PDB file of N, CA and C in Angstrom:
ATOM      1  N   MET A   1       0.857  -1.167   0.000  1.00  0.00           N
ATOM      2  CA  MET A   1       0.000   0.000   0.000  1.00  0.00           C
ATOM      3  C   MET A   1       0.905   1.232   0.000  1.00  0.00           C
ATOM      4  N   ASP A   2       0.575   2.191  -0.803  1.00  0.00           N
ATOM      5  CA  ASP A   2       1.363   3.424  -0.906  1.00  0.00           C
ATOM      6  C   ASP A   2       0.647   4.573  -0.208  1.00  0.00           C
ATOM      7  N   LEU A   3       1.442   5.505   0.273  1.00  0.00           N
ATOM      8  CA  LEU A   3       0.926   6.712   0.901  1.00  0.00           C
ATOM      9  C   LEU A   3       1.788   7.865   0.425  1.00  0.00           C
ATOM     10  N   LEU A   4       1.148   8.909  -0.058  1.00  0.00           N
ATOM     11  CA  LEU A   4       1.858  10.090  -0.527  1.00  0.00           C
ATOM     12  C   LEU A   4       1.670  11.204   0.484  1.00  0.00           C
ATOM     13  N   VAL A   5       2.758  11.785   0.933  1.00  0.00           N
ATOM     14  CA  VAL A   5       2.693  12.903   1.874  1.00  0.00           C
ATOM     15  C   VAL A   5       3.122  14.148   1.124  1.00  0.00           C
ATOM     16  N   LYS A   6       2.238  15.117   1.071  1.00  0.00           N
ATOM     17  CA  LYS A   6       2.519  16.362   0.345  1.00  0.00           C
ATOM     18  C   LYS A   6       2.912  17.463   1.315  1.00  0.00           C
ATOM     19  N   ASN A   7       3.558  18.475   0.755  1.00  0.00           N
ATOM     20  CA  ASN A   7       3.895  19.694   1.491  1.00  0.00           C
ATOM     21  C   ASN A   7       4.802  19.455   2.694  1.00  0.00           C
ATOM     22  N   VAL A   8       5.744  18.548   2.557  1.00  0.00           N
ATOM     23  CA  VAL A   8       6.724  18.321   3.614  1.00  0.00           C
ATOM     24  C   VAL A   8       7.692  19.503   3.600  1.00  0.00           C
ATOM     25  N   PRO A   9       7.838  20.188   4.726  1.00  0.00           N
ATOM     26  CA  PRO A   9       8.767  21.321   4.755  1.00  0.00           C
ATOM     27  C   PRO A   9      10.189  20.870   4.412  1.00  0.00           C
ATOM     28  N   GLN A  10      10.908  21.720   3.697  1.00  0.00           N
ATOM     29  CA  GLN A  10      12.248  21.384   3.244  1.00  0.00           C
ATOM     30  C   GLN A  10      13.153  20.975   4.400  1.00  0.00           C
ATOM     31  N   GLU A  11      13.100  21.713   5.506  1.00  0.00           N
ATOM     32  CA  GLU A  11      13.955  21.396   6.656  1.00  0.00           C
ATOM     33  C   GLU A  11      13.650  20.010   7.221  1.00  0.00           C
ATOM     34  N   LEU A  12      12.378  19.663   7.324  1.00  0.00           N
ATOM     35  CA  LEU A  12      12.002  18.327   7.804  1.00  0.00           C
ATOM     36  C   LEU A  12      12.496  17.264   6.839  1.00  0.00           C
ATOM     37  N   HIS A  13      12.337  17.506   5.555  1.00  0.00           N
ATOM     38  CA  HIS A  13      12.810  16.565   4.536  1.00  0.00           C
ATOM     39  C   HIS A  13      14.314  16.339   4.682  1.00  0.00           C
ATOM     40  N   GLU A  14      15.055  17.397   4.877  1.00  0.00           N
ATOM     41  CA  GLU A  14      16.514  17.281   5.036  1.00  0.00           C
ATOM     42  C   GLU A  14      16.868  16.524   6.305  1.00  0.00           C
ATOM     43  N   ARG A  15      16.160  16.809   7.377  1.00  0.00           N
ATOM     44  CA  ARG A  15      16.424  16.095   8.630  1.00  0.00           C
ATOM     45  C   ARG A  15      16.152  14.610   8.475  1.00  0.00           C
ATOM     46  N   LEU A  16      15.055  14.275   7.821  1.00  0.00           N
ATOM     47  CA  LEU A  16      14.734  12.859   7.573  1.00  0.00           C
ATOM     48  C   LEU A  16      15.807  12.201   6.717  1.00  0.00           C
ATOM     49  N   ARG A  17      16.227  12.905   5.673  1.00  0.00           N
ATOM     50  CA  ARG A  17      17.253  12.361   4.788  1.00  0.00           C
ATOM     51  C   ARG A  17      18.547  12.102   5.558  1.00  0.00           C
ATOM     52  N   ARG A  18      18.969  13.088   6.376  1.00  0.00           N
ATOM     53  CA  ARG A  18      20.205  12.921   7.156  1.00  0.00           C
ATOM     54  C   ARG A  18      20.080  11.766   8.154  1.00  0.00           C
ATOM     55  N   HIS A  19      18.927  11.693   8.796  1.00  0.00           N
ATOM     56  CA  HIS A  19      18.718  10.614   9.766  1.00  0.00           C
ATOM     57  C   HIS A  19      18.735   9.248   9.077  1.00  0.00           C
ATOM     58  N   ALA A  20      18.078   9.151   7.946  1.00  0.00           N
ATOM     59  CA  ALA A  20      18.054   7.889   7.199  1.00  0.00           C
ATOM     60  C   ALA A  20      19.465   7.485   6.790  1.00  0.00           C
ATOM     61  N   ARG A  21      20.211   8.430   6.288  1.00  0.00           N
ATOM     62  CA  ARG A  21      21.577   8.141   5.871  1.00  0.00           C
ATOM     63  C   ARG A  21      22.428   7.696   7.066  1.00  0.00           C
ATOM     64  N   ALA A  22      22.314   8.411   8.184  1.00  0.00           N
ATOM     65  CA  ALA A  22      23.107   8.090   9.374  1.00  0.00           C
ATOM     66  C   ALA A  22      22.753   6.717   9.945  1.00  0.00           C
ATOM     67  N   SER A  23      21.494   6.331   9.823  1.00  0.00           N
ATOM     68  CA  SER A  23      21.067   5.033  10.353  1.00  0.00           C
ATOM     69  C   SER A  23      21.082   3.932   9.289  1.00  0.00           C
ATOM     70  N   ARG A  24      21.578   4.288   8.102  1.00  0.00           N
ATOM     71  CA  ARG A  24      21.692   3.331   6.984  1.00  0.00           C
ATOM     72  C   ARG A  24      20.359   2.664   6.657  1.00  0.00           C
ATOM     73  N   ARG A  25      19.329   3.522   6.611  1.00  0.00           N
ATOM     74  CA  ARG A  25      17.998   3.059   6.235  1.00  0.00           C
ATOM     75  C   ARG A  25      17.462   3.981   5.159  1.00  0.00           C
ATOM     76  N   THR A  26      16.395   3.551   4.540  1.00  0.00           N
ATOM     77  CA  THR A  26      15.752   4.406   3.550  1.00  0.00           C
ATOM     78  C   THR A  26      14.871   5.420   4.286  1.00  0.00           C
ATOM     79  N   MET A  27      14.532   6.487   3.583  1.00  0.00           N
ATOM     80  CA  MET A  27      13.617   7.462   4.176  1.00  0.00           C
ATOM     81  C   MET A  27      12.270   6.815   4.475  1.00  0.00           C
ATOM     82  N   SER A  28      11.830   5.927   3.625  1.00  0.00           N
ATOM     83  CA  SER A  28      10.563   5.225   3.865  1.00  0.00           C
ATOM     84  C   SER A  28      10.623   4.433   5.168  1.00  0.00           C
ATOM     85  N   GLU A  29      11.726   3.748   5.393  1.00  0.00           N
ATOM     86  CA  GLU A  29      11.870   2.973   6.630  1.00  0.00           C
ATOM     87  C   GLU A  29      11.845   3.887   7.858  1.00  0.00           C
ATOM     88  N   VAL A  30      12.529   5.014   7.760  1.00  0.00           N
ATOM     89  CA  VAL A  30      12.573   5.962   8.877  1.00  0.00           C
ATOM     90  C   VAL A  30      11.184   6.525   9.148  1.00  0.00           C
ATOM     91  N   VAL A  31      10.495   6.931   8.114  1.00  0.00           N
ATOM     92  CA  VAL A  31       9.161   7.514   8.284  1.00  0.00           C
ATOM     93  C   VAL A  31       8.179   6.478   8.813  1.00  0.00           C
ATOM     94  N   LEU A  32       8.194   5.281   8.264  1.00  0.00           N
ATOM     95  CA  LEU A  32       7.287   4.237   8.746  1.00  0.00           C
ATOM     96  C   LEU A  32       7.557   3.904  10.208  1.00  0.00           C
ATOM     97  N   ASP A  33       8.829   3.854  10.589  1.00  0.00           N
ATOM     98  CA  ASP A  33       9.184   3.584  11.981  1.00  0.00           C
ATOM     99  C   ASP A  33       8.657   4.700  12.887  1.00  0.00           C
ATOM    100  N   ALA A  34       8.819   5.943  12.481  1.00  0.00           N
ATOM    101  CA  ALA A  34       8.357   7.081  13.274  1.00  0.00           C
ATOM    102  C   ALA A  34       6.831   7.071  13.410  1.00  0.00           C
ATOM    103  N   VAL A  35       6.135   6.783  12.336  1.00  0.00           N
ATOM    104  CA  VAL A  35       4.671   6.743  12.375  1.00  0.00           C
ATOM    105  C   VAL A  35       4.207   5.599  13.282  1.00  0.00           C
ATOM    106  N   GLU A  36       4.839   4.455  13.155  1.00  0.00           N
ATOM    107  CA  GLU A  36       4.467   3.299  13.983  1.00  0.00           C
ATOM    108  C   GLU A  36       4.690   3.599  15.465  1.00  0.00           C
ATOM    109  N   ARG A  37       5.832   4.201  15.800  1.00  0.00           N
ATOM    110  CA  ARG A  37       6.113   4.542  17.192  1.00  0.00           C
ATOM    111  C   ARG A  37       5.114   5.560  17.733  1.00  0.00           C
ATOM    112  N   GLU A  38       4.769   6.549  16.928  1.00  0.00           N
ATOM    113  CA  GLU A  38       3.814   7.568  17.379  1.00  0.00           C
ATOM    114  C   GLU A  38       2.437   6.962  17.593  1.00  0.00           C
ATOM    115  N   LEU A  39       1.997   6.105  16.683  1.00  0.00           N
ATOM    116  CA  LEU A  39       0.695   5.459  16.863  1.00  0.00           C
ATOM    117  C   LEU A  39       0.693   4.564  18.095  1.00  0.00           C
ATOM    118  N   ALA A  40       1.756   3.821  18.318  1.00  0.00           N
ATOM    119  CA  ALA A  40       1.857   2.970  19.507  1.00  0.00           C
ATOM    120  C   ALA A  40       1.830   3.819  20.770  1.00  0.00           C
ATOM    121  N   ARG A  41       2.511   4.970  20.749  1.00  0.00           N
ATOM    122  CA  ARG A  41       2.534   5.861  21.903  1.00  0.00           C
ATOM    123  C   ARG A  41       1.130   6.393  22.185  1.00  0.00           C
ATOM    124  N   GLN A  42       0.434   6.816  21.144  1.00  0.00           N
ATOM    125  CA  GLN A  42      -0.924   7.333  21.303  1.00  0.00           C
ATOM    126  C   GLN A  42      -1.869   6.254  21.830  1.00  0.00           C
ATOM    127  N   GLU A  43      -1.738   5.030  21.315  1.00  0.00           N
ATOM    128  CA  GLU A  43      -2.588   3.928  21.771  1.00  0.00           C
ATOM    129  C   GLU A  43      -2.311   3.605  23.232  1.00  0.00           C
ATOM    130  N   TRP A  44      -1.039   3.616  23.617  1.00  0.00           N
ATOM    131  CA  TRP A  44      -0.672   3.351  25.008  1.00  0.00           C
ATOM    132  C   TRP A  44      -1.247   4.428  25.912  1.00  0.00           C
ATOM    133  N   GLN A  45      -1.115   5.696  25.510  1.00  0.00           N
ATOM    134  CA  GLN A  45      -1.665   6.786  26.312  1.00  0.00           C
ATOM    135  C   GLN A  45      -3.175   6.655  26.463  1.00  0.00           C
ATOM    136  N   GLY A  46      -3.835   6.229  25.405  1.00  0.00           N
ATOM    137  CA  GLY A  46      -5.280   6.027  25.477  1.00  0.00           C
ATOM    138  C   GLY A  46      -5.650   4.925  26.458  1.00  0.00           C
ATOM    139  N   ARG A  47      -4.927   3.829  26.428  1.00  0.00           N
ATOM    140  CA  ARG A  47      -5.184   2.743  27.371  1.00  0.00           C
ATOM    141  C   ARG A  47      -4.871   3.188  28.798  1.00  0.00           C
ATOM    142  N   PHE A  48      -3.759   3.899  28.966  1.00  0.00           N
ATOM    143  CA  PHE A  48      -3.343   4.351  30.285  1.00  0.00           C
ATOM    144  C   PHE A  48      -4.346   5.346  30.866  1.00  0.00           C
ATOM    145  N   ALA A  49      -4.843   6.248  30.039  1.00  0.00           N
ATOM    146  CA  ALA A  49      -5.789   7.263  30.501  1.00  0.00           C
ATOM    147  C   ALA A  49      -7.105   6.641  30.956  1.00  0.00           C
ATOM    148  N   GLY A  50      -7.448   5.499  30.408  1.00  0.00           N
ATOM    149  CA  GLY A  50      -8.693   4.839  30.758  1.00  0.00           C
ATOM    150  C   GLY A  50      -8.632   4.011  32.033  1.00  0.00           C
ATOM    151  N   ARG A  51      -7.442   3.867  32.597  1.00  0.00           N
ATOM    152  CA  ARG A  51      -7.302   3.059  33.808  1.00  0.00           C
ATOM    153  C   ARG A  51      -7.717   3.849  35.038  1.00  0.00           C
ATOM    154  N   SER A  52      -8.227   3.142  36.020  1.00  0.00           N
ATOM    155  CA  SER A  52      -8.573   3.799  37.273  1.00  0.00           C
ATOM    156  C   SER A  52      -7.297   4.052  38.081  1.00  0.00           C
ATOM    157  N   THR A  53      -7.355   5.029  38.964  1.00  0.00           N
ATOM    158  CA  THR A  53      -6.191   5.351  39.772  1.00  0.00           C
ATOM    159  C   THR A  53      -6.014   4.317  40.875  1.00  0.00           C
ATOM    160  N   THR A  54      -4.794   4.194  41.343  1.00  0.00           N
ATOM    161  CA  THR A  54      -4.468   3.264  42.416  1.00  0.00           C
ATOM    162  C   THR A  54      -3.983   4.053  43.618  1.00  0.00           C
ATOM    163  N   LYS A  55      -4.554   3.788  44.757  1.00  0.00           N
ATOM    164  CA  LYS A  55      -4.135   4.438  45.993  1.00  0.00           C
ATOM    165  C   LYS A  55      -3.038   3.583  46.622  1.00  0.00           C
ATOM    166  N   LEU A  56      -1.843   4.142  46.736  1.00  0.00           N
ATOM    167  CA  LEU A  56      -0.712   3.417  47.297  1.00  0.00           C
ATOM    168  C   LEU A  56      -0.638   3.535  48.817  1.00  0.00           C
ATOM    169  N   GLY A  57      -1.283   4.533  49.372  1.00  0.00           N
ATOM    170  CA  GLY A  57      -1.221   4.754  50.802  1.00  0.00           C
ATOM    171  C   GLY A  57      -0.033   5.604  51.213  1.00  0.00           C
ATOM    172  N   VAL A  58       0.905   5.753  50.307  1.00  0.00           N
ATOM    173  CA  VAL A  58       2.081   6.608  50.526  1.00  0.00           C
ATOM    174  C   VAL A  58       2.372   7.311  49.208  1.00  0.00           C
ATOM    175  N   PRO A  59       3.082   8.438  49.247  1.00  0.00           N
ATOM    176  CA  PRO A  59       3.426   9.111  47.995  1.00  0.00           C
ATOM    177  C   PRO A  59       4.271   8.201  47.089  1.00  0.00           C
ATOM    178  N   ALA A  60       4.039   8.295  45.795  1.00  0.00           N
ATOM    179  CA  ALA A  60       4.782   7.476  44.824  1.00  0.00           C
ATOM    180  C   ALA A  60       6.277   7.720  44.933  1.00  0.00           C
ATOM    181  N   ALA A  61       6.679   8.957  45.226  1.00  0.00           N
ATOM    182  CA  ALA A  61       8.105   9.271  45.370  1.00  0.00           C
ATOM    183  C   ALA A  61       8.716   8.468  46.509  1.00  0.00           C
ATOM    184  N   LYS A  62       7.975   8.250  47.572  1.00  0.00           N
ATOM    185  CA  LYS A  62       8.475   7.477  48.713  1.00  0.00           C
ATOM    186  C   LYS A  62       8.649   6.017  48.317  1.00  0.00           C
ATOM    187  N   VAL A  63       7.702   5.487  47.557  1.00  0.00           N
ATOM    188  CA  VAL A  63       7.801   4.104  47.085  1.00  0.00           C
ATOM    189  C   VAL A  63       9.045   3.945  46.214  1.00  0.00           C
ATOM    190  N   LEU A  64       9.264   4.884  45.296  1.00  0.00           N
ATOM    191  CA  LEU A  64      10.449   4.824  44.444  1.00  0.00           C
ATOM    192  C   LEU A  64      11.725   4.915  45.268  1.00  0.00           C
ATOM    193  N   GLU A  65      11.735   5.786  46.238  1.00  0.00           N
ATOM    194  CA  GLU A  65      12.908   5.937  47.099  1.00  0.00           C
ATOM    195  C   GLU A  65      13.215   4.632  47.829  1.00  0.00           C
ATOM    196  N   GLN A  66      12.204   3.970  48.344  1.00  0.00           N
ATOM    197  CA  GLN A  66      12.390   2.698  49.037  1.00  0.00           C
ATOM    198  C   GLN A  66      12.886   1.615  48.086  1.00  0.00           C
ATOM    199  N   GLU A  67      12.305   1.566  46.894  1.00  0.00           N
ATOM    200  CA  GLU A  67      12.727   0.557  45.913  1.00  0.00           C
ATOM    201  C   GLU A  67      14.177   0.776  45.498  1.00  0.00           C
ATOM    202  N   ARG A  68      14.553   2.017  45.279  1.00  0.00           N
ATOM    203  CA  ARG A  68      15.926   2.318  44.890  1.00  0.00           C
ATOM    204  C   ARG A  68      16.900   1.986  46.012  1.00  0.00           C
ATOM    205  N   ALA A  69      16.500   2.258  47.248  1.00  0.00           N
ATOM    206  CA  ALA A  69      17.365   1.929  48.380  1.00  0.00           C
ATOM    207  C   ALA A  69      17.559   0.417  48.469  1.00  0.00           C
ATOM    208  N   GLY A  70      16.496  -0.350  48.258  1.00  0.00           N
ATOM    209  CA  GLY A  70      16.605  -1.810  48.258  1.00  0.00           C
ATOM    210  C   GLY A  70      17.489  -2.310  47.141  1.00  0.00           C
ATOM    211  N   ARG A  71      17.333  -1.733  45.977  1.00  0.00           N
ATOM    212  CA  ARG A  71      18.174  -2.121  44.838  1.00  0.00           C
ATOM    213  C   ARG A  71      19.635  -1.812  45.111  1.00  0.00           C
ATOM    214  N   ASP A  72      19.894  -0.612  45.634  1.00  0.00           N
ATOM    215  CA  ASP A  72      21.267  -0.215  45.927  1.00  0.00           C
ATOM    216  C   ASP A  72      21.895  -1.127  46.978  1.00  0.00           C
ATOM    217  N   GLU A  73      21.077  -1.546  47.939  1.00  0.00           N
ATOM    218  CA  GLU A  73      21.564  -2.453  48.993  1.00  0.00           C
ATOM    219  C   GLU A  73      21.948  -3.808  48.383  1.00  0.00           C
ATOM    220  N   GLN A  74      21.116  -4.304  47.468  1.00  0.00           N
ATOM    221  CA  GLN A  74      21.391  -5.596  46.821  1.00  0.00           C
ATOM    222  C   GLN A  74      22.643  -5.514  45.944  1.00  0.00           C
ATOM    223  N   LEU A  75      22.847  -4.379  45.285  1.00  0.00           N
ATOM    224  CA  LEU A  75      23.993  -4.235  44.392  1.00  0.00           C
ATOM    225  C   LEU A  75      25.294  -3.982  45.160  1.00  0.00           C
ATOM    226  N   GLY A  76      25.141  -3.554  46.397  1.00  0.00           N
ATOM    227  CA  GLY A  76      26.325  -3.320  47.223  1.00  0.00           C
ATOM    228  C   GLY A  76      26.903  -2.008  47.084  1.00  0.00           C
TER     229      GLY A  76
END
C-alpha cells in the first residue's frame, strides 16, 4: 500500500534524509518507523488514561525511594 505525503517542509525533509543516511535506512523505513512509534505511543496513552487510579497509601516518590534503596543495597 502506498501513501503520498505532500507539502513536507524542506527542513524536515533534510532532517529525515540525514537521519536515514546516518542510520543506513531508507527514508521510507525511517518515516514508517516514526509513524508506527507515534501510533503505539498514542494507543498506550489512550489505554493508560482509561485506567482507574491506584491508591498506594504513601506518595509514589516514597515508594520509588524505598525501591531504589533496596536495589542499591542488593547491588552493594
